[in-house]
N, C-alpha and C. Protein backbone atom coordinates (compact mmCIF):
# COMPACT_ATOMS: atom_id res chain seq x y z
N MET A 1 0.84 -1.18 0.00
CA MET A 1 0.00 0.00 0.00
C MET A 1 0.88 1.24 0.00
N SER A 2 0.59 2.13 -0.92
CA SER A 2 1.42 3.32 -1.00
C SER A 2 0.64 4.55 -0.56
N ARG A 3 1.39 5.53 -0.13
CA ARG A 3 0.81 6.81 0.28
C ARG A 3 1.38 7.90 -0.61
N LEU A 4 0.63 8.99 -0.72
CA LEU A 4 1.14 10.15 -1.43
C LEU A 4 2.11 10.85 -0.49
N ARG A 5 3.34 11.01 -0.92
CA ARG A 5 4.40 11.49 -0.04
C ARG A 5 4.68 12.98 -0.16
N SER A 6 4.24 13.59 -1.25
CA SER A 6 4.61 14.99 -1.46
C SER A 6 3.47 15.74 -2.15
N GLU A 7 3.61 17.04 -2.16
CA GLU A 7 2.66 17.87 -2.90
C GLU A 7 2.65 17.49 -4.37
N GLN A 8 3.81 17.18 -4.92
CA GLN A 8 3.89 16.80 -6.33
C GLN A 8 3.12 15.51 -6.60
N ASP A 9 3.12 14.57 -5.65
CA ASP A 9 2.33 13.34 -5.79
C ASP A 9 0.84 13.69 -5.94
N PHE A 10 0.36 14.64 -5.12
CA PHE A 10 -1.04 15.07 -5.22
C PHE A 10 -1.30 15.76 -6.55
N LEU A 11 -0.39 16.63 -6.97
CA LEU A 11 -0.57 17.34 -8.23
C LEU A 11 -0.60 16.38 -9.41
N ASP A 12 0.24 15.36 -9.38
CA ASP A 12 0.24 14.36 -10.45
C ASP A 12 -1.08 13.59 -10.48
N LEU A 13 -1.60 13.25 -9.31
CA LEU A 13 -2.88 12.56 -9.22
C LEU A 13 -4.01 13.45 -9.72
N ILE A 14 -4.02 14.69 -9.32
CA ILE A 14 -5.04 15.63 -9.78
C ILE A 14 -5.00 15.78 -11.29
N ALA A 15 -3.81 15.85 -11.86
CA ALA A 15 -3.67 16.01 -13.31
C ALA A 15 -4.29 14.84 -14.08
N ARG A 16 -4.32 13.66 -13.46
CA ARG A 16 -4.94 12.49 -14.13
C ARG A 16 -6.46 12.60 -14.18
N HIS A 17 -7.07 13.38 -13.29
CA HIS A 17 -8.53 13.44 -13.20
C HIS A 17 -9.13 14.75 -13.71
N PHE A 18 -8.33 15.79 -13.85
CA PHE A 18 -8.87 17.09 -14.24
C PHE A 18 -7.98 17.68 -15.33
N PRO A 19 -8.58 18.04 -16.46
CA PRO A 19 -7.77 18.61 -17.55
C PRO A 19 -7.12 19.93 -17.16
N GLU A 20 -6.02 20.22 -17.81
CA GLU A 20 -5.27 21.46 -17.51
C GLU A 20 -5.79 22.66 -18.32
N SER A 21 -6.47 22.39 -19.44
CA SER A 21 -6.89 23.50 -20.29
C SER A 21 -8.41 23.58 -20.36
N HIS A 22 -8.89 24.80 -20.61
CA HIS A 22 -10.31 25.08 -20.71
C HIS A 22 -10.43 26.46 -21.34
N PRO A 23 -11.51 26.74 -22.09
CA PRO A 23 -11.64 28.06 -22.72
C PRO A 23 -11.61 29.24 -21.74
N HIS A 24 -12.01 29.02 -20.49
CA HIS A 24 -12.01 30.10 -19.50
C HIS A 24 -10.68 30.24 -18.76
N VAL A 25 -9.74 29.32 -18.98
CA VAL A 25 -8.49 29.32 -18.23
C VAL A 25 -7.35 29.82 -19.12
N ILE A 26 -6.79 30.95 -18.75
CA ILE A 26 -5.61 31.48 -19.44
C ILE A 26 -4.35 30.87 -18.82
N LEU A 27 -4.29 30.85 -17.49
CA LEU A 27 -3.19 30.22 -16.74
C LEU A 27 -3.82 29.48 -15.58
N GLY A 28 -3.64 28.17 -15.55
CA GLY A 28 -4.30 27.35 -14.53
C GLY A 28 -3.36 26.87 -13.46
N ARG A 29 -3.53 25.62 -13.12
CA ARG A 29 -2.77 25.03 -12.01
C ARG A 29 -1.26 25.12 -12.25
N GLY A 30 -0.53 25.21 -11.12
CA GLY A 30 0.91 25.15 -11.18
C GLY A 30 1.60 26.47 -10.97
N ASP A 31 0.85 27.54 -10.82
CA ASP A 31 1.46 28.83 -10.54
C ASP A 31 0.87 29.34 -9.23
N ASP A 32 1.23 30.55 -8.85
CA ASP A 32 0.74 31.09 -7.59
C ASP A 32 -0.76 31.38 -7.61
N CYS A 33 -1.29 31.67 -8.77
CA CYS A 33 -2.72 31.88 -8.89
C CYS A 33 -3.13 31.65 -10.34
N ALA A 34 -4.42 31.42 -10.54
CA ALA A 34 -4.94 31.19 -11.88
C ALA A 34 -5.30 32.54 -12.53
N LEU A 35 -5.26 32.57 -13.85
CA LEU A 35 -5.73 33.71 -14.61
C LEU A 35 -6.89 33.20 -15.46
N LEU A 36 -8.06 33.78 -15.23
CA LEU A 36 -9.28 33.29 -15.85
C LEU A 36 -9.89 34.32 -16.78
N ARG A 37 -10.54 33.83 -17.80
CA ARG A 37 -11.35 34.65 -18.70
C ARG A 37 -12.78 34.49 -18.22
N CYS A 38 -13.34 35.54 -17.62
CA CYS A 38 -14.66 35.45 -17.01
C CYS A 38 -15.65 36.39 -17.70
N PRO A 39 -16.94 36.07 -17.59
CA PRO A 39 -17.95 36.99 -18.09
C PRO A 39 -17.98 38.25 -17.22
N ALA A 40 -18.71 39.26 -17.67
CA ALA A 40 -18.78 40.53 -16.94
C ALA A 40 -19.33 40.35 -15.53
N GLU A 41 -20.22 39.39 -15.34
CA GLU A 41 -20.78 39.10 -14.03
C GLU A 41 -20.50 37.63 -13.71
N ILE A 42 -20.11 37.37 -12.46
CA ILE A 42 -19.96 35.97 -12.04
C ILE A 42 -20.71 35.78 -10.73
N CYS A 43 -21.15 34.55 -10.49
CA CYS A 43 -21.66 34.17 -9.17
C CYS A 43 -20.64 33.22 -8.57
N LEU A 44 -20.53 33.25 -7.27
CA LEU A 44 -19.46 32.53 -6.59
C LEU A 44 -20.03 31.87 -5.34
N THR A 45 -19.62 30.63 -5.09
CA THR A 45 -20.04 29.94 -3.88
C THR A 45 -18.87 29.12 -3.34
N THR A 46 -18.83 28.97 -2.03
CA THR A 46 -17.79 28.19 -1.37
C THR A 46 -18.42 27.35 -0.27
N ASP A 47 -17.98 26.11 -0.17
CA ASP A 47 -18.45 25.23 0.91
C ASP A 47 -17.28 24.43 1.46
N LEU A 48 -17.34 24.17 2.76
CA LEU A 48 -16.42 23.26 3.42
C LEU A 48 -17.07 21.88 3.50
N PHE A 49 -16.25 20.85 3.39
CA PHE A 49 -16.70 19.48 3.52
C PHE A 49 -15.67 18.79 4.41
N LEU A 50 -16.00 18.65 5.70
CA LEU A 50 -15.02 18.23 6.69
C LEU A 50 -15.31 16.84 7.25
N GLU A 51 -14.24 16.05 7.38
CA GLU A 51 -14.36 14.72 7.97
C GLU A 51 -14.85 14.84 9.41
N ASP A 52 -15.74 13.93 9.79
CA ASP A 52 -16.37 13.84 11.10
C ASP A 52 -17.34 14.97 11.39
N ARG A 53 -17.53 15.85 10.45
CA ARG A 53 -18.57 16.88 10.55
C ARG A 53 -19.60 16.66 9.44
N HIS A 54 -19.12 16.52 8.20
CA HIS A 54 -20.00 16.36 7.04
C HIS A 54 -19.97 14.95 6.47
N PHE A 55 -18.97 14.18 6.80
CA PHE A 55 -18.87 12.80 6.35
C PHE A 55 -17.92 12.03 7.27
N ARG A 56 -18.03 10.72 7.21
CA ARG A 56 -17.10 9.83 7.91
C ARG A 56 -16.54 8.84 6.90
N ARG A 57 -15.23 8.72 6.87
CA ARG A 57 -14.61 7.77 5.93
C ARG A 57 -15.09 6.35 6.17
N ALA A 58 -15.47 6.03 7.40
CA ALA A 58 -15.94 4.67 7.71
C ALA A 58 -17.29 4.38 7.06
N TYR A 59 -18.07 5.40 6.75
CA TYR A 59 -19.42 5.21 6.22
C TYR A 59 -19.54 5.47 4.73
N PHE A 60 -18.66 6.28 4.18
CA PHE A 60 -18.81 6.71 2.79
C PHE A 60 -17.61 6.28 1.95
N GLU A 61 -17.89 5.86 0.75
CA GLU A 61 -16.83 5.53 -0.21
C GLU A 61 -16.15 6.83 -0.64
N PRO A 62 -14.86 6.79 -0.94
CA PRO A 62 -14.16 8.01 -1.35
C PRO A 62 -14.79 8.66 -2.59
N GLU A 63 -15.28 7.85 -3.54
CA GLU A 63 -15.92 8.42 -4.73
C GLU A 63 -17.12 9.27 -4.35
N ASP A 64 -17.90 8.79 -3.36
CA ASP A 64 -19.09 9.53 -2.93
C ASP A 64 -18.71 10.85 -2.26
N ILE A 65 -17.64 10.83 -1.49
CA ILE A 65 -17.16 12.06 -0.85
C ILE A 65 -16.73 13.06 -1.92
N GLY A 66 -15.99 12.59 -2.93
CA GLY A 66 -15.55 13.47 -4.01
C GLY A 66 -16.73 14.03 -4.79
N ARG A 67 -17.69 13.16 -5.15
CA ARG A 67 -18.86 13.63 -5.90
C ARG A 67 -19.63 14.68 -5.11
N LYS A 68 -19.94 14.35 -3.86
CA LYS A 68 -20.78 15.25 -3.07
C LYS A 68 -20.10 16.59 -2.80
N SER A 69 -18.80 16.57 -2.54
CA SER A 69 -18.11 17.82 -2.22
C SER A 69 -18.20 18.83 -3.36
N LEU A 70 -18.15 18.36 -4.60
CA LEU A 70 -18.30 19.28 -5.74
C LEU A 70 -19.76 19.51 -6.08
N ALA A 71 -20.58 18.47 -5.98
CA ALA A 71 -21.99 18.59 -6.37
C ALA A 71 -22.75 19.61 -5.54
N VAL A 72 -22.45 19.73 -4.23
CA VAL A 72 -23.18 20.71 -3.42
C VAL A 72 -22.90 22.13 -3.89
N ASN A 73 -21.69 22.39 -4.33
CA ASN A 73 -21.35 23.72 -4.84
C ASN A 73 -21.96 23.98 -6.21
N VAL A 74 -21.90 22.99 -7.08
CA VAL A 74 -22.52 23.12 -8.39
C VAL A 74 -24.03 23.36 -8.22
N SER A 75 -24.63 22.65 -7.27
CA SER A 75 -26.05 22.82 -6.99
C SER A 75 -26.37 24.25 -6.55
N ASP A 76 -25.50 24.86 -5.74
CA ASP A 76 -25.70 26.24 -5.32
C ASP A 76 -25.74 27.18 -6.53
N ILE A 77 -24.84 26.98 -7.47
CA ILE A 77 -24.79 27.82 -8.67
C ILE A 77 -26.04 27.60 -9.52
N LEU A 78 -26.37 26.33 -9.78
CA LEU A 78 -27.55 26.02 -10.59
C LEU A 78 -28.83 26.50 -9.92
N GLY A 79 -28.88 26.39 -8.60
CA GLY A 79 -30.06 26.80 -7.86
C GLY A 79 -30.36 28.29 -7.96
N MET A 80 -29.36 29.07 -8.29
CA MET A 80 -29.55 30.51 -8.46
C MET A 80 -29.77 30.87 -9.93
N GLY A 81 -29.95 29.88 -10.75
CA GLY A 81 -30.20 30.15 -12.17
C GLY A 81 -28.95 30.57 -12.91
N ALA A 82 -27.83 29.96 -12.57
CA ALA A 82 -26.57 30.29 -13.21
C ALA A 82 -25.93 29.01 -13.76
N ARG A 83 -24.93 29.19 -14.61
CA ARG A 83 -24.20 28.08 -15.22
C ARG A 83 -22.82 28.01 -14.61
N PRO A 84 -22.43 26.86 -14.01
CA PRO A 84 -21.09 26.76 -13.41
C PRO A 84 -20.01 26.78 -14.50
N LEU A 85 -18.89 27.43 -14.18
CA LEU A 85 -17.79 27.58 -15.14
C LEU A 85 -16.48 26.92 -14.70
N GLY A 86 -16.23 26.79 -13.40
CA GLY A 86 -14.97 26.21 -12.94
C GLY A 86 -14.92 26.19 -11.43
N PHE A 87 -13.82 25.62 -10.89
CA PHE A 87 -13.71 25.54 -9.44
C PHE A 87 -12.25 25.48 -8.99
N SER A 88 -12.08 25.79 -7.70
CA SER A 88 -10.79 25.60 -7.04
C SER A 88 -11.02 24.71 -5.82
N LEU A 89 -9.94 24.09 -5.35
CA LEU A 89 -10.03 23.12 -4.27
C LEU A 89 -8.91 23.37 -3.27
N CYS A 90 -9.28 23.54 -2.01
CA CYS A 90 -8.31 23.54 -0.92
C CYS A 90 -8.51 22.23 -0.17
N LEU A 91 -7.41 21.54 0.08
CA LEU A 91 -7.47 20.18 0.60
C LEU A 91 -6.59 20.05 1.82
N THR A 92 -7.15 19.48 2.88
CA THR A 92 -6.37 19.07 4.05
C THR A 92 -6.26 17.56 3.99
N ALA A 93 -5.05 17.06 4.05
CA ALA A 93 -4.80 15.64 3.81
C ALA A 93 -3.97 15.02 4.94
N PRO A 94 -4.56 14.08 5.68
CA PRO A 94 -3.77 13.33 6.65
C PRO A 94 -2.72 12.48 5.92
N THR A 95 -1.59 12.27 6.54
CA THR A 95 -0.50 11.53 5.88
C THR A 95 -0.68 10.02 5.91
N ASP A 96 -1.68 9.53 6.66
CA ASP A 96 -1.83 8.08 6.79
C ASP A 96 -2.84 7.47 5.80
N ILE A 97 -3.37 8.24 4.88
CA ILE A 97 -4.36 7.72 3.92
C ILE A 97 -3.64 7.21 2.68
N GLU A 98 -4.06 6.03 2.23
CA GLU A 98 -3.45 5.38 1.07
C GLU A 98 -3.72 6.16 -0.22
N ALA A 99 -2.80 6.06 -1.16
CA ALA A 99 -2.92 6.74 -2.46
C ALA A 99 -4.19 6.32 -3.19
N GLU A 100 -4.56 5.04 -3.07
CA GLU A 100 -5.76 4.55 -3.76
C GLU A 100 -7.02 5.29 -3.29
N TRP A 101 -7.08 5.62 -2.00
CA TRP A 101 -8.23 6.34 -1.47
C TRP A 101 -8.36 7.71 -2.14
N TRP A 102 -7.23 8.41 -2.28
CA TRP A 102 -7.24 9.71 -2.94
C TRP A 102 -7.60 9.57 -4.42
N GLU A 103 -7.08 8.53 -5.05
CA GLU A 103 -7.40 8.27 -6.45
C GLU A 103 -8.91 8.15 -6.62
N ARG A 104 -9.54 7.41 -5.75
CA ARG A 104 -10.98 7.20 -5.82
C ARG A 104 -11.75 8.49 -5.52
N LEU A 105 -11.29 9.28 -4.55
CA LEU A 105 -11.95 10.56 -4.24
C LEU A 105 -11.92 11.47 -5.46
N PHE A 106 -10.74 11.61 -6.08
CA PHE A 106 -10.63 12.49 -7.25
C PHE A 106 -11.39 11.94 -8.45
N ALA A 107 -11.50 10.62 -8.55
CA ALA A 107 -12.31 10.04 -9.63
C ALA A 107 -13.77 10.44 -9.48
N GLY A 108 -14.30 10.38 -8.26
CA GLY A 108 -15.69 10.80 -8.04
C GLY A 108 -15.89 12.28 -8.31
N MET A 109 -14.97 13.10 -7.82
CA MET A 109 -15.06 14.54 -8.06
C MET A 109 -14.92 14.82 -9.55
N GLY A 110 -14.02 14.09 -10.20
CA GLY A 110 -13.81 14.27 -11.64
C GLY A 110 -15.05 13.95 -12.46
N GLU A 111 -15.87 13.00 -12.01
CA GLU A 111 -17.12 12.69 -12.71
C GLU A 111 -18.04 13.91 -12.75
N ILE A 112 -18.18 14.58 -11.62
CA ILE A 112 -19.04 15.77 -11.56
C ILE A 112 -18.44 16.90 -12.39
N ALA A 113 -17.13 17.09 -12.30
CA ALA A 113 -16.46 18.13 -13.08
C ALA A 113 -16.65 17.88 -14.57
N ALA A 114 -16.49 16.64 -15.02
CA ALA A 114 -16.65 16.32 -16.43
C ALA A 114 -18.09 16.51 -16.89
N LEU A 115 -19.04 16.14 -16.05
CA LEU A 115 -20.45 16.27 -16.38
C LEU A 115 -20.81 17.73 -16.69
N HIS A 116 -20.18 18.65 -15.98
CA HIS A 116 -20.49 20.08 -16.15
C HIS A 116 -19.41 20.84 -16.91
N GLY A 117 -18.37 20.15 -17.37
CA GLY A 117 -17.30 20.80 -18.12
C GLY A 117 -16.51 21.79 -17.29
N LEU A 118 -16.24 21.44 -16.03
CA LEU A 118 -15.59 22.37 -15.11
C LEU A 118 -14.10 22.09 -14.97
N PRO A 119 -13.26 23.09 -15.20
CA PRO A 119 -11.84 22.93 -14.92
C PRO A 119 -11.56 23.14 -13.43
N LEU A 120 -10.59 22.42 -12.93
CA LEU A 120 -10.03 22.67 -11.60
C LEU A 120 -8.80 23.54 -11.84
N VAL A 121 -8.88 24.81 -11.40
CA VAL A 121 -7.84 25.77 -11.78
C VAL A 121 -6.73 25.93 -10.75
N GLY A 122 -6.93 25.38 -9.55
CA GLY A 122 -5.90 25.51 -8.53
C GLY A 122 -6.50 25.35 -7.16
N GLY A 123 -5.76 25.79 -6.16
CA GLY A 123 -6.21 25.69 -4.78
C GLY A 123 -5.02 25.64 -3.86
N ASP A 124 -5.15 24.84 -2.81
CA ASP A 124 -4.08 24.74 -1.83
C ASP A 124 -4.12 23.36 -1.21
N LEU A 125 -3.00 22.93 -0.66
CA LEU A 125 -2.86 21.62 -0.04
C LEU A 125 -2.11 21.78 1.28
N SER A 126 -2.64 21.12 2.32
CA SER A 126 -1.98 21.17 3.61
C SER A 126 -2.16 19.83 4.31
N ALA A 127 -1.18 19.44 5.09
CA ALA A 127 -1.32 18.26 5.94
C ALA A 127 -2.24 18.62 7.10
N GLY A 128 -2.96 17.62 7.61
CA GLY A 128 -3.85 17.86 8.74
C GLY A 128 -4.28 16.55 9.36
N ASP A 129 -5.06 16.65 10.43
CA ASP A 129 -5.49 15.46 11.16
C ASP A 129 -6.64 14.72 10.49
N GLY A 130 -7.49 15.43 9.75
CA GLY A 130 -8.62 14.82 9.08
C GLY A 130 -8.73 15.35 7.66
N VAL A 131 -9.51 14.66 6.83
CA VAL A 131 -9.72 15.12 5.46
C VAL A 131 -10.62 16.35 5.49
N GLY A 132 -10.20 17.37 4.79
CA GLY A 132 -11.00 18.58 4.65
C GLY A 132 -10.94 19.07 3.22
N LEU A 133 -12.09 19.41 2.68
CA LEU A 133 -12.16 19.93 1.32
C LEU A 133 -12.91 21.26 1.38
N ALA A 134 -12.34 22.29 0.81
CA ALA A 134 -13.02 23.57 0.65
C ALA A 134 -13.03 23.86 -0.84
N LEU A 135 -14.22 23.91 -1.40
CA LEU A 135 -14.36 24.12 -2.84
C LEU A 135 -15.02 25.46 -3.10
N THR A 136 -14.52 26.16 -4.09
CA THR A 136 -15.11 27.39 -4.57
C THR A 136 -15.47 27.17 -6.03
N VAL A 137 -16.72 27.39 -6.36
CA VAL A 137 -17.21 27.26 -7.73
C VAL A 137 -17.70 28.62 -8.18
N TRP A 138 -17.40 28.97 -9.41
CA TRP A 138 -17.94 30.21 -9.97
C TRP A 138 -18.73 29.87 -11.23
N GLY A 139 -19.62 30.80 -11.56
CA GLY A 139 -20.44 30.61 -12.74
C GLY A 139 -20.92 31.93 -13.28
N GLU A 140 -21.69 31.85 -14.35
CA GLU A 140 -22.25 33.06 -14.95
C GLU A 140 -23.77 32.99 -14.90
N PRO A 141 -24.39 34.13 -14.60
CA PRO A 141 -25.85 34.16 -14.58
C PRO A 141 -26.42 33.88 -15.97
N TRP A 142 -27.48 33.08 -16.00
CA TRP A 142 -28.22 32.87 -17.23
C TRP A 142 -29.32 33.90 -17.33
N PRO A 143 -29.64 34.36 -18.51
CA PRO A 143 -30.78 35.29 -18.64
C PRO A 143 -32.04 34.68 -18.03
N GLY A 144 -32.72 35.45 -17.20
CA GLY A 144 -33.92 34.96 -16.55
C GLY A 144 -33.66 34.19 -15.28
N GLY A 145 -32.39 34.03 -14.89
CA GLY A 145 -32.06 33.31 -13.67
C GLY A 145 -32.36 34.16 -12.44
N GLU A 146 -32.12 33.61 -11.26
CA GLU A 146 -32.39 34.26 -9.99
C GLU A 146 -31.72 35.63 -9.88
N PHE A 147 -30.54 35.78 -10.50
CA PHE A 147 -29.77 37.02 -10.37
C PHE A 147 -30.30 38.14 -11.25
N LYS A 148 -31.12 37.82 -12.24
CA LYS A 148 -31.58 38.85 -13.19
C LYS A 148 -32.93 39.38 -12.80
């Protein structure tokens, strides 16, 4: 059983599940910040998804955790009558979790991202005691949506 040992290990895993290019991304992952091509108006939402508060690894498959963590944010955008355009991810990662678990989490999250055509443009990674995901999704208002 292997573990992800470095930030580069996580970045390599993320690259397998989320494309690096997208029409809205001028400069994406791998730099200090992303440079995005955005519409004149954007809607923005952020949610935390914390182990032992919002989920327990003992009860949920990693794919389900990945799907739900992105889906709740996409739902917020869609619920306001907007179209999601992309997202960022801040991740707290305990060092004792196997690489396969992370692979499965990103596979589930990648399913939702692919379904909506969302690029993962960046974020942050930190070691911690429990799994924590903070996702920010942005989108553009649709004519006739809640924002108009």
